[in-house]
Amino acid sequence: MAAYVVIRVLGQADVNYNIQHTMHLLGLNRVNHATVVPVNDAYKGMLQVVKDYCTFGLIDEETLAAMIKARGKVVGDAPVTDEYVKEKTEFATIDDLAKAIVAGEYKIKDVEGMKPVFRLHPPVKGYEGNKHSFVTGGALGDRKEKINDLVMRML
């Protein structure tokens, strides 16, 4: 099992209603917002709908742990800490939580009070170009494991 990280690349203007609604369901209401979703058929279909506005790929444990430590927030905009994770879940550290999420045993929304959306910085040295898919040299669509490099540039 694994988990996808989905990052919104393009903004609001002239977005088809179905695509906009799907992004809303994913929690991607602004550019550079990211969310982590499990790999299953329902989410694969949603990613297929938003592939022209977002980029996504399989996240690894180290990158997810770094993202939670750097940009994870709880209600009230306080940062997520190891103490908070220990208090609200059965995991001792953020690293253990990230390992469980990537393994598909746990979801971010299961952590009480933790916001499911990560507000990331724009990537260092920018996106590769936001009009083409990643396969053809752009920034959109499925990046597979290379999403981890982009996430690290955005922390």
N, C-alpha and C. Protein backbone atom coordinates (compact mmCIF):
# COMPACT_ATOMS: atom_id res chain seq x y z
N MET A 1 0.85 -1.19 0.00
CA MET A 1 0.00 0.00 0.00
C MET A 1 0.88 1.24 0.00
N ALA A 2 0.32 2.34 -0.43
CA ALA A 2 1.09 3.59 -0.50
C ALA A 2 0.15 4.76 -0.37
N ALA A 3 0.70 5.96 -0.49
CA ALA A 3 -0.11 7.18 -0.41
C ALA A 3 0.36 8.15 -1.49
N TYR A 4 -0.59 8.87 -2.05
CA TYR A 4 -0.29 9.93 -3.01
C TYR A 4 -0.23 11.26 -2.28
N VAL A 5 0.65 12.15 -2.72
CA VAL A 5 0.56 13.54 -2.33
C VAL A 5 0.10 14.29 -3.58
N VAL A 6 -0.89 15.16 -3.41
CA VAL A 6 -1.47 15.91 -4.53
C VAL A 6 -1.23 17.39 -4.25
N ILE A 7 -0.65 18.10 -5.23
CA ILE A 7 -0.34 19.52 -5.08
C ILE A 7 -1.03 20.29 -6.20
N ARG A 8 -1.75 21.34 -5.83
CA ARG A 8 -2.41 22.17 -6.85
C ARG A 8 -1.39 23.12 -7.46
N VAL A 9 -1.35 23.16 -8.79
CA VAL A 9 -0.38 23.98 -9.52
C VAL A 9 -1.05 25.19 -10.15
N LEU A 10 -2.24 25.03 -10.71
CA LEU A 10 -2.92 26.11 -11.42
C LEU A 10 -4.04 26.71 -10.58
N GLY A 11 -4.38 27.97 -10.85
CA GLY A 11 -5.35 28.73 -10.06
C GLY A 11 -6.79 28.57 -10.49
N GLN A 12 -7.60 29.58 -10.18
CA GLN A 12 -9.06 29.49 -10.22
C GLN A 12 -9.72 29.78 -11.56
N ALA A 13 -9.17 30.63 -12.39
CA ALA A 13 -9.91 31.17 -13.53
C ALA A 13 -10.36 30.08 -14.51
N ASP A 14 -11.64 30.13 -14.88
CA ASP A 14 -12.22 29.28 -15.92
C ASP A 14 -12.03 27.78 -15.69
N VAL A 15 -12.19 27.34 -14.46
CA VAL A 15 -12.08 25.92 -14.16
C VAL A 15 -13.46 25.29 -14.33
N ASN A 16 -13.52 24.19 -15.05
CA ASN A 16 -14.77 23.44 -15.23
C ASN A 16 -15.34 23.07 -13.86
N TYR A 17 -16.66 23.10 -13.72
CA TYR A 17 -17.30 22.85 -12.43
C TYR A 17 -16.92 21.50 -11.85
N ASN A 18 -16.91 20.45 -12.68
CA ASN A 18 -16.59 19.11 -12.18
C ASN A 18 -15.17 19.04 -11.63
N ILE A 19 -14.24 19.69 -12.32
CA ILE A 19 -12.85 19.71 -11.87
C ILE A 19 -12.74 20.52 -10.58
N GLN A 20 -13.41 21.67 -10.54
CA GLN A 20 -13.37 22.52 -9.35
C GLN A 20 -13.97 21.79 -8.14
N HIS A 21 -15.07 21.07 -8.36
CA HIS A 21 -15.72 20.33 -7.29
C HIS A 21 -14.80 19.21 -6.78
N THR A 22 -14.15 18.51 -7.70
CA THR A 22 -13.23 17.43 -7.30
C THR A 22 -12.07 17.99 -6.49
N MET A 23 -11.52 19.14 -6.92
CA MET A 23 -10.43 19.76 -6.15
C MET A 23 -10.92 20.19 -4.77
N HIS A 24 -12.16 20.66 -4.69
CA HIS A 24 -12.74 21.04 -3.41
C HIS A 24 -12.85 19.81 -2.49
N LEU A 25 -13.28 18.68 -3.06
CA LEU A 25 -13.38 17.45 -2.28
C LEU A 25 -12.01 17.00 -1.77
N LEU A 26 -10.97 17.24 -2.57
CA LEU A 26 -9.61 16.91 -2.15
C LEU A 26 -9.05 17.94 -1.16
N GLY A 27 -9.71 19.11 -1.05
CA GLY A 27 -9.24 20.15 -0.14
C GLY A 27 -8.25 21.09 -0.79
N LEU A 28 -8.13 21.04 -2.11
CA LEU A 28 -7.15 21.87 -2.82
C LEU A 28 -7.82 23.13 -3.34
N ASN A 29 -8.01 24.11 -2.46
CA ASN A 29 -8.72 25.32 -2.84
C ASN A 29 -7.81 26.44 -3.32
N ARG A 30 -6.51 26.33 -3.11
CA ARG A 30 -5.57 27.35 -3.54
C ARG A 30 -4.33 26.72 -4.15
N VAL A 31 -3.61 27.52 -4.92
CA VAL A 31 -2.35 27.07 -5.52
C VAL A 31 -1.34 26.78 -4.41
N ASN A 32 -0.52 25.76 -4.61
CA ASN A 32 0.53 25.30 -3.69
C ASN A 32 -0.04 24.66 -2.42
N HIS A 33 -1.32 24.33 -2.39
CA HIS A 33 -1.85 23.53 -1.30
C HIS A 33 -1.64 22.06 -1.66
N ALA A 34 -1.34 21.26 -0.64
CA ALA A 34 -1.10 19.83 -0.87
C ALA A 34 -1.93 19.02 0.11
N THR A 35 -2.27 17.82 -0.29
CA THR A 35 -2.98 16.90 0.58
C THR A 35 -2.46 15.49 0.32
N VAL A 36 -2.59 14.62 1.30
CA VAL A 36 -2.12 13.24 1.18
C VAL A 36 -3.34 12.34 1.17
N VAL A 37 -3.45 11.49 0.13
CA VAL A 37 -4.59 10.59 0.00
C VAL A 37 -4.10 9.16 -0.20
N PRO A 38 -4.87 8.17 0.26
CA PRO A 38 -4.45 6.78 0.06
C PRO A 38 -4.61 6.37 -1.40
N VAL A 39 -3.89 5.34 -1.78
CA VAL A 39 -3.99 4.81 -3.14
C VAL A 39 -5.16 3.84 -3.19
N ASN A 40 -6.23 4.24 -3.86
CA ASN A 40 -7.35 3.33 -4.14
C ASN A 40 -8.06 3.81 -5.39
N ASP A 41 -9.00 3.03 -5.89
CA ASP A 41 -9.62 3.34 -7.17
C ASP A 41 -10.38 4.66 -7.15
N ALA A 42 -11.04 4.98 -6.03
CA ALA A 42 -11.82 6.22 -5.94
C ALA A 42 -10.89 7.44 -6.09
N TYR A 43 -9.78 7.44 -5.37
CA TYR A 43 -8.85 8.56 -5.46
C TYR A 43 -8.13 8.59 -6.80
N LYS A 44 -7.86 7.42 -7.39
CA LYS A 44 -7.23 7.40 -8.71
C LYS A 44 -8.14 8.08 -9.74
N GLY A 45 -9.45 7.84 -9.63
CA GLY A 45 -10.41 8.50 -10.52
C GLY A 45 -10.43 10.00 -10.30
N MET A 46 -10.37 10.43 -9.03
CA MET A 46 -10.35 11.87 -8.74
C MET A 46 -9.08 12.51 -9.29
N LEU A 47 -7.95 11.83 -9.16
CA LEU A 47 -6.69 12.36 -9.68
C LEU A 47 -6.71 12.46 -11.20
N GLN A 48 -7.40 11.52 -11.84
CA GLN A 48 -7.53 11.57 -13.30
C GLN A 48 -8.32 12.81 -13.72
N VAL A 49 -9.31 13.20 -12.91
CA VAL A 49 -10.13 14.38 -13.22
C VAL A 49 -9.31 15.66 -13.08
N VAL A 50 -8.45 15.76 -12.05
CA VAL A 50 -7.73 17.01 -11.76
C VAL A 50 -6.32 17.04 -12.33
N LYS A 51 -5.95 16.08 -13.16
CA LYS A 51 -4.56 15.97 -13.63
C LYS A 51 -4.09 17.18 -14.43
N ASP A 52 -4.99 17.97 -15.00
CA ASP A 52 -4.60 19.14 -15.77
C ASP A 52 -4.43 20.40 -14.91
N TYR A 53 -4.67 20.29 -13.61
CA TYR A 53 -4.53 21.43 -12.71
C TYR A 53 -3.61 21.12 -11.53
N CYS A 54 -3.29 19.85 -11.32
CA CYS A 54 -2.51 19.42 -10.15
C CYS A 54 -1.38 18.51 -10.60
N THR A 55 -0.44 18.32 -9.69
CA THR A 55 0.58 17.30 -9.88
C THR A 55 0.52 16.36 -8.68
N PHE A 56 0.86 15.10 -8.91
CA PHE A 56 0.75 14.11 -7.83
C PHE A 56 1.74 12.99 -8.05
N GLY A 57 1.98 12.23 -6.99
CA GLY A 57 2.87 11.09 -7.08
C GLY A 57 2.90 10.35 -5.75
N LEU A 58 3.66 9.25 -5.73
CA LEU A 58 3.76 8.44 -4.52
C LEU A 58 4.79 9.06 -3.57
N ILE A 59 4.36 9.37 -2.36
CA ILE A 59 5.23 10.01 -1.38
C ILE A 59 5.92 8.94 -0.54
N ASP A 60 7.17 9.22 -0.14
CA ASP A 60 7.86 8.27 0.73
C ASP A 60 7.81 8.76 2.18
N GLU A 61 8.20 7.89 3.10
CA GLU A 61 8.05 8.18 4.54
C GLU A 61 8.84 9.40 4.98
N GLU A 62 10.10 9.52 4.50
CA GLU A 62 10.96 10.63 4.93
C GLU A 62 10.37 11.97 4.49
N THR A 63 9.89 12.03 3.24
CA THR A 63 9.34 13.27 2.72
C THR A 63 8.06 13.65 3.46
N LEU A 64 7.20 12.65 3.72
CA LEU A 64 5.96 12.93 4.44
C LEU A 64 6.25 13.42 5.86
N ALA A 65 7.21 12.78 6.53
CA ALA A 65 7.57 13.22 7.89
C ALA A 65 8.11 14.64 7.86
N ALA A 66 8.95 14.96 6.89
CA ALA A 66 9.49 16.32 6.77
C ALA A 66 8.38 17.32 6.49
N MET A 67 7.40 16.94 5.66
CA MET A 67 6.29 17.84 5.33
C MET A 67 5.42 18.09 6.55
N ILE A 68 5.14 17.05 7.34
CA ILE A 68 4.32 17.23 8.55
C ILE A 68 5.06 18.11 9.55
N LYS A 69 6.37 17.88 9.72
CA LYS A 69 7.15 18.68 10.68
C LYS A 69 7.23 20.14 10.26
N ALA A 70 7.44 20.39 8.96
CA ALA A 70 7.64 21.76 8.49
C ALA A 70 6.34 22.52 8.29
N ARG A 71 5.31 21.89 7.72
CA ARG A 71 4.12 22.62 7.30
C ARG A 71 2.82 22.07 7.90
N GLY A 72 2.88 21.02 8.72
CA GLY A 72 1.67 20.48 9.33
C GLY A 72 1.13 21.43 10.39
N LYS A 73 -0.19 21.61 10.42
CA LYS A 73 -0.82 22.53 11.37
C LYS A 73 -1.99 21.84 12.05
N VAL A 74 -2.26 22.26 13.28
CA VAL A 74 -3.46 21.83 13.98
C VAL A 74 -4.42 23.00 13.99
N VAL A 75 -5.66 22.77 14.37
CA VAL A 75 -6.65 23.84 14.43
C VAL A 75 -6.13 24.92 15.38
N GLY A 76 -6.15 26.16 14.91
CA GLY A 76 -5.56 27.26 15.67
C GLY A 76 -4.20 27.64 15.12
N ASP A 77 -3.78 27.00 14.04
CA ASP A 77 -2.52 27.26 13.34
C ASP A 77 -1.26 26.98 14.14
N ALA A 78 -1.34 26.14 15.15
CA ALA A 78 -0.14 25.73 15.87
C ALA A 78 0.54 24.61 15.08
N PRO A 79 1.86 24.52 15.11
CA PRO A 79 2.53 23.45 14.36
C PRO A 79 2.30 22.08 14.99
N VAL A 80 2.36 21.04 14.17
CA VAL A 80 2.24 19.67 14.66
C VAL A 80 3.59 19.27 15.26
N THR A 81 3.57 18.76 16.48
CA THR A 81 4.80 18.34 17.15
C THR A 81 4.70 16.86 17.53
N ASP A 82 5.86 16.30 17.91
CA ASP A 82 5.87 14.91 18.37
C ASP A 82 4.96 14.74 19.59
N GLU A 83 4.95 15.75 20.48
CA GLU A 83 4.11 15.67 21.69
C GLU A 83 2.63 15.62 21.31
N TYR A 84 2.23 16.45 20.33
CA TYR A 84 0.83 16.47 19.89
C TYR A 84 0.44 15.12 19.30
N VAL A 85 1.32 14.56 18.46
CA VAL A 85 1.05 13.25 17.83
C VAL A 85 0.95 12.18 18.91
N LYS A 86 1.83 12.23 19.89
CA LYS A 86 1.81 11.22 20.97
C LYS A 86 0.52 11.31 21.78
N GLU A 87 0.05 12.55 21.99
CA GLU A 87 -1.16 12.76 22.80
C GLU A 87 -2.43 12.35 22.06
N LYS A 88 -2.51 12.62 20.76
CA LYS A 88 -3.75 12.42 20.00
C LYS A 88 -3.83 11.09 19.24
N THR A 89 -2.70 10.38 19.11
CA THR A 89 -2.71 9.11 18.37
C THR A 89 -1.97 8.06 19.19
N GLU A 90 -1.91 6.86 18.63
CA GLU A 90 -1.15 5.80 19.30
C GLU A 90 0.32 5.80 18.89
N PHE A 91 0.74 6.77 18.07
CA PHE A 91 2.12 6.83 17.60
C PHE A 91 2.95 7.73 18.50
N ALA A 92 4.23 7.38 18.66
CA ALA A 92 5.13 8.13 19.55
C ALA A 92 5.71 9.37 18.87
N THR A 93 5.95 9.29 17.56
CA THR A 93 6.59 10.40 16.86
C THR A 93 5.91 10.65 15.52
N ILE A 94 6.27 11.77 14.91
CA ILE A 94 5.77 12.11 13.58
C ILE A 94 6.28 11.09 12.55
N ASP A 95 7.51 10.61 12.74
CA ASP A 95 8.07 9.61 11.82
C ASP A 95 7.24 8.33 11.81
N ASP A 96 6.80 7.88 13.00
CA ASP A 96 5.96 6.69 13.10
C ASP A 96 4.61 6.91 12.41
N LEU A 97 4.04 8.11 12.60
CA LEU A 97 2.77 8.47 11.96
C LEU A 97 2.93 8.45 10.44
N ALA A 98 4.01 9.04 9.94
CA ALA A 98 4.26 9.08 8.49
C ALA A 98 4.39 7.67 7.93
N LYS A 99 5.07 6.80 8.66
CA LYS A 99 5.26 5.41 8.22
C LYS A 99 3.90 4.71 8.10
N ALA A 100 3.00 4.93 9.08
CA ALA A 100 1.68 4.31 9.06
C ALA A 100 0.82 4.87 7.93
N ILE A 101 0.93 6.17 7.65
CA ILE A 101 0.14 6.78 6.57
C ILE A 101 0.59 6.23 5.23
N VAL A 102 1.90 6.15 5.00
CA VAL A 102 2.41 5.62 3.74
C VAL A 102 2.06 4.14 3.58
N ALA A 103 2.03 3.41 4.70
CA ALA A 103 1.66 1.99 4.65
C ALA A 103 0.16 1.80 4.42
N GLY A 104 -0.64 2.86 4.55
CA GLY A 104 -2.07 2.77 4.33
C GLY A 104 -2.86 2.33 5.55
N GLU A 105 -2.21 2.30 6.72
CA GLU A 105 -2.89 1.88 7.95
C GLU A 105 -3.59 3.03 8.66
N TYR A 106 -3.28 4.27 8.27
CA TYR A 106 -3.77 5.44 8.99
C TYR A 106 -3.96 6.57 8.00
N LYS A 107 -4.84 7.51 8.31
CA LYS A 107 -5.05 8.67 7.44
C LYS A 107 -4.79 9.94 8.24
N ILE A 108 -4.45 11.00 7.56
CA ILE A 108 -4.19 12.27 8.25
C ILE A 108 -5.46 12.76 8.94
N LYS A 109 -6.62 12.53 8.32
CA LYS A 109 -7.86 13.01 8.95
C LYS A 109 -8.19 12.24 10.22
N ASP A 110 -7.53 11.08 10.47
CA ASP A 110 -7.74 10.35 11.72
C ASP A 110 -7.04 11.00 12.91
N VAL A 111 -6.10 11.92 12.64
CA VAL A 111 -5.42 12.63 13.73
C VAL A 111 -6.33 13.77 14.16
N GLU A 112 -6.85 13.69 15.37
CA GLU A 112 -7.82 14.66 15.86
C GLU A 112 -7.22 16.06 15.89
N GLY A 113 -7.89 17.00 15.21
CA GLY A 113 -7.48 18.40 15.24
C GLY A 113 -6.41 18.78 14.23
N MET A 114 -5.88 17.83 13.48
CA MET A 114 -4.85 18.16 12.48
C MET A 114 -5.50 18.53 11.16
N LYS A 115 -5.03 19.62 10.55
CA LYS A 115 -5.58 20.05 9.27
C LYS A 115 -5.09 19.12 8.16
N PRO A 116 -6.00 18.70 7.26
CA PRO A 116 -5.61 17.75 6.22
C PRO A 116 -4.86 18.39 5.06
N VAL A 117 -4.84 19.72 4.99
CA VAL A 117 -4.20 20.43 3.88
C VAL A 117 -2.90 21.06 4.36
N PHE A 118 -1.85 20.91 3.55
CA PHE A 118 -0.56 21.53 3.84
C PHE A 118 -0.40 22.73 2.93
N ARG A 119 -0.14 23.91 3.51
CA ARG A 119 0.06 25.12 2.73
C ARG A 119 1.57 25.25 2.47
N LEU A 120 1.98 24.85 1.28
CA LEU A 120 3.40 24.82 0.95
C LEU A 120 3.86 26.13 0.31
N HIS A 121 5.18 26.38 0.36
CA HIS A 121 5.77 27.51 -0.35
C HIS A 121 5.83 27.16 -1.83
N PRO A 122 5.94 28.18 -2.71
CA PRO A 122 6.21 27.86 -4.12
C PRO A 122 7.57 27.15 -4.21
N PRO A 123 7.76 26.27 -5.19
CA PRO A 123 9.01 25.52 -5.24
C PRO A 123 10.21 26.41 -5.56
N VAL A 124 11.35 26.09 -4.93
CA VAL A 124 12.60 26.77 -5.25
C VAL A 124 12.92 26.51 -6.72
N LYS A 125 13.27 27.53 -7.46
CA LYS A 125 13.53 27.48 -8.91
C LYS A 125 12.26 27.22 -9.72
N GLY A 126 11.09 27.30 -9.10
CA GLY A 126 9.82 27.28 -9.81
C GLY A 126 9.38 25.92 -10.34
N TYR A 127 8.18 25.91 -10.90
CA TYR A 127 7.67 24.72 -11.57
C TYR A 127 8.35 24.60 -12.93
N GLU A 128 8.27 23.43 -13.53
CA GLU A 128 8.91 23.19 -14.82
C GLU A 128 8.15 23.84 -15.96
N GLY A 129 7.00 24.38 -15.69
CA GLY A 129 6.11 24.95 -16.72
C GLY A 129 4.73 24.38 -16.45
N ASN A 130 3.72 25.24 -16.35
CA ASN A 130 2.43 24.75 -15.89
C ASN A 130 1.42 24.55 -17.01
N LYS A 131 1.89 24.34 -18.23
CA LYS A 131 0.95 24.10 -19.33
C LYS A 131 1.01 22.68 -19.87
N HIS A 132 2.02 21.91 -19.46
CA HIS A 132 2.21 20.57 -20.02
C HIS A 132 2.32 19.54 -18.92
N SER A 133 2.10 18.28 -19.29
CA SER A 133 2.22 17.21 -18.31
C SER A 133 3.69 16.98 -17.96
N PHE A 134 3.93 16.34 -16.85
CA PHE A 134 5.29 16.08 -16.39
C PHE A 134 6.05 15.21 -17.39
N VAL A 135 5.33 14.31 -18.05
CA VAL A 135 5.95 13.40 -19.01
C VAL A 135 6.55 14.18 -20.18
N THR A 136 5.91 15.27 -20.58
CA THR A 136 6.38 16.06 -21.73
C THR A 136 7.18 17.28 -21.29
N GLY A 137 7.66 17.30 -20.05
CA GLY A 137 8.53 18.39 -19.61
C GLY A 137 7.86 19.47 -18.82
N GLY A 138 6.59 19.31 -18.47
CA GLY A 138 5.87 20.32 -17.69
C GLY A 138 5.79 19.94 -16.22
N ALA A 139 4.78 20.50 -15.53
CA ALA A 139 4.66 20.27 -14.10
C ALA A 139 3.39 19.52 -13.71
N LEU A 140 2.49 19.25 -14.64
CA LEU A 140 1.18 18.71 -14.30
C LEU A 140 1.14 17.19 -14.39
N GLY A 141 0.18 16.59 -13.70
CA GLY A 141 -0.05 15.16 -13.83
C GLY A 141 0.80 14.31 -12.90
N ASP A 142 0.93 13.03 -13.25
CA ASP A 142 1.58 12.04 -12.39
C ASP A 142 3.10 12.12 -12.52
N ARG A 143 3.79 12.31 -11.37
CA ARG A 143 5.26 12.34 -11.32
C ARG A 143 5.84 11.06 -10.77
N LYS A 144 5.01 10.15 -10.32
CA LYS A 144 5.45 8.93 -9.65
C LYS A 144 6.33 9.28 -8.44
N GLU A 145 7.55 8.74 -8.34
CA GLU A 145 8.39 8.99 -7.16
C GLU A 145 9.07 10.35 -7.19
N LYS A 146 9.12 11.02 -8.33
CA LYS A 146 9.81 12.31 -8.43
C LYS A 146 9.06 13.43 -7.71
N ILE A 147 7.85 13.16 -7.22
CA ILE A 147 7.10 14.14 -6.44
C ILE A 147 7.86 14.50 -5.17
N ASN A 148 8.64 13.55 -4.64
CA ASN A 148 9.38 13.80 -3.40
C ASN A 148 10.38 14.93 -3.56
N ASP A 149 11.02 15.03 -4.74
CA ASP A 149 11.96 16.12 -4.99
C ASP A 149 11.22 17.46 -4.98
N LEU A 150 10.04 17.51 -5.62
CA LEU A 150 9.26 18.75 -5.66
C LEU A 150 8.82 19.16 -4.25
N VAL A 151 8.34 18.21 -3.46
CA VAL A 151 7.88 18.53 -2.11
C VAL A 151 9.04 19.09 -1.28
N MET A 152 10.21 18.50 -1.39
CA MET A 152 11.37 19.00 -0.63
C MET A 152 11.73 20.42 -1.06
N ARG A 153 11.56 20.75 -2.35
CA ARG A 153 11.82 22.12 -2.82
C ARG A 153 10.77 23.10 -2.32
N MET A 154 9.61 22.60 -1.89
CA MET A 154 8.51 23.47 -1.46
C MET A 154 8.45 23.66 0.06
N LEU A 155 9.28 22.97 0.83
CA LEU A 155 9.23 23.10 2.30
C LEU A 155 10.02 24.31 2.77
